[in-house]
Amino acid sequence: MNRTRYRPPTREVWMHIKDPAKLRRRRKARDMTQFQLAVMTRCTQQYVSLLESGRDRDCSEDVALRICKALDVDLEDYFEAREVSRTPRVATASRVDGDDAA
């Protein structure tokens, strides 16, 4: 039997990209490839691509800050904060009696 423990809700701040195309234009204006931006922000080129295409519009505050620093822009011009509240569930391992073991 799987049991779950209740944990109090946690609040996380995620940054939402206002305009993904604006992010791409700024990167190109700085004559930077997606790979170069990825290296500077310690993420993958694929993730930069997802952000710029709008397929993923949310990222952590830390990633947003690193992107803005690498592109030399203000955070508020490219991202907006969204607070997310969620209740994590932690599954605990079930115990198996000797009789039930296969």
Protein backbone atom coordinates (compact mmCIF):
# COMPACT_ATOMS: atom_id res chain seq x y z
CA MET A 1 0.00 0.00 0.00
CA ASN A 2 1.37 3.42 -0.97
CA ARG A 3 1.02 6.07 1.67
CA THR A 4 1.48 9.77 1.22
CA ARG A 5 2.42 12.30 3.82
CA TYR A 6 0.90 15.74 3.83
CA ARG A 7 3.28 18.63 3.57
CA PRO A 8 2.25 22.26 3.82
CA PRO A 9 1.93 24.14 0.53
CA THR A 10 5.09 25.73 -0.77
CA ARG A 11 5.29 28.95 -2.69
CA GLU A 12 7.56 29.12 -5.67
CA VAL A 13 8.30 32.10 -7.84
CA TRP A 14 8.44 31.38 -11.54
CA MET A 15 9.23 33.95 -14.16
CA HIS A 16 6.99 34.17 -17.21
CA ILE A 17 8.48 35.44 -20.47
CA LYS A 18 6.45 38.40 -21.69
CA ASP A 19 7.54 38.16 -25.34
CA PRO A 20 9.68 35.20 -26.47
CA ALA A 21 10.41 36.84 -29.84
CA LYS A 22 11.82 39.89 -28.05
CA LEU A 23 14.21 37.59 -26.19
CA ARG A 24 15.38 36.05 -29.48
CA ARG A 25 15.81 39.48 -31.11
CA ARG A 26 17.93 40.70 -28.18
CA ARG A 27 20.15 37.62 -28.31
CA LYS A 28 20.68 38.07 -32.03
CA ALA A 29 21.35 41.81 -31.58
CA ARG A 30 24.13 40.84 -29.18
CA ASP A 31 25.48 38.56 -31.95
CA MET A 32 25.10 35.49 -29.76
CA THR A 33 24.06 31.94 -30.65
CA GLN A 34 21.61 29.94 -28.55
CA PHE A 35 24.52 27.72 -27.54
CA GLN A 36 26.58 30.69 -26.35
CA LEU A 37 23.65 32.00 -24.31
CA ALA A 38 23.09 28.53 -22.88
CA VAL A 39 26.71 28.29 -21.75
CA MET A 40 26.58 31.74 -20.16
CA THR A 41 23.35 30.92 -18.30
CA ARG A 42 24.26 27.33 -17.36
CA CYS A 43 21.35 25.71 -19.17
CA THR A 44 21.03 23.78 -22.43
CA GLN A 45 20.69 25.11 -25.96
CA GLN A 46 17.45 23.14 -26.24
CA TYR A 47 16.04 25.01 -23.23
CA VAL A 48 16.99 28.39 -24.73
CA SER A 49 15.23 27.29 -27.92
CA LEU A 50 12.09 26.34 -25.98
CA LEU A 51 12.05 29.72 -24.23
CA GLU A 52 12.60 31.70 -27.42
CA SER A 53 9.98 29.78 -29.38
CA GLY A 54 7.39 30.19 -26.63
CA ARG A 55 6.93 26.44 -26.21
CA ASP A 56 8.07 26.92 -22.61
CA ARG A 57 7.23 30.35 -21.23
CA ASP A 58 8.13 29.80 -17.59
CA CYS A 59 11.52 29.46 -15.97
CA SER A 60 12.99 29.79 -12.51
CA GLU A 61 13.87 33.21 -11.19
CA ASP A 62 17.53 32.21 -11.16
CA VAL A 63 17.54 31.31 -14.86
CA ALA A 64 15.69 34.52 -15.75
CA LEU A 65 18.25 36.60 -13.86
CA ARG A 66 21.15 34.85 -15.59
CA ILE A 67 19.55 35.38 -19.02
CA CYS A 68 19.02 39.08 -18.32
CA LYS A 69 22.58 39.48 -17.10
CA ALA A 70 23.98 37.74 -20.20
CA LEU A 71 21.83 39.87 -22.51
CA ASP A 72 22.38 43.06 -20.47
CA VAL A 73 18.68 43.83 -20.04
CA ASP A 74 16.35 44.60 -17.14
CA LEU A 75 14.42 41.68 -15.72
CA GLU A 76 11.12 43.59 -15.72
CA ASP A 77 11.37 44.28 -19.46
CA TYR A 78 11.44 40.59 -20.39
CA PHE A 79 9.90 38.63 -17.51
CA GLU A 80 7.07 38.89 -15.01
CA ALA A 81 6.87 37.02 -11.73
CA ARG A 82 4.18 34.42 -11.14
CA GLU A 83 3.83 32.91 -7.74
CA VAL A 84 2.79 29.29 -7.78
CA SER A 85 1.45 27.54 -4.71
CA ARG A 86 1.45 23.79 -4.68
CA THR A 87 1.19 21.00 -2.18
CA PRO A 88 3.95 18.46 -2.64
CA ARG A 89 3.14 14.82 -2.03
CA VAL A 90 5.80 12.44 -0.90
CA ALA A 91 5.16 8.77 -1.41
CA THR A 92 6.59 6.40 1.14
CA ALA A 93 7.64 2.89 0.32
CA SER A 94 5.13 0.24 1.19
CA ARG A 95 6.08 -2.61 3.42
CA VAL A 96 5.91 -6.08 2.06
CA ASP A 97 5.33 -8.97 4.44
CA GLY A 98 7.21 -12.17 3.85
CA ASP A 99 3.97 -13.90 2.73
CA ASP A 100 3.20 -11.28 0.06
CA ALA A 101 6.67 -11.24 -1.48
CA ALA A 102 6.77 -12.81 -4.90
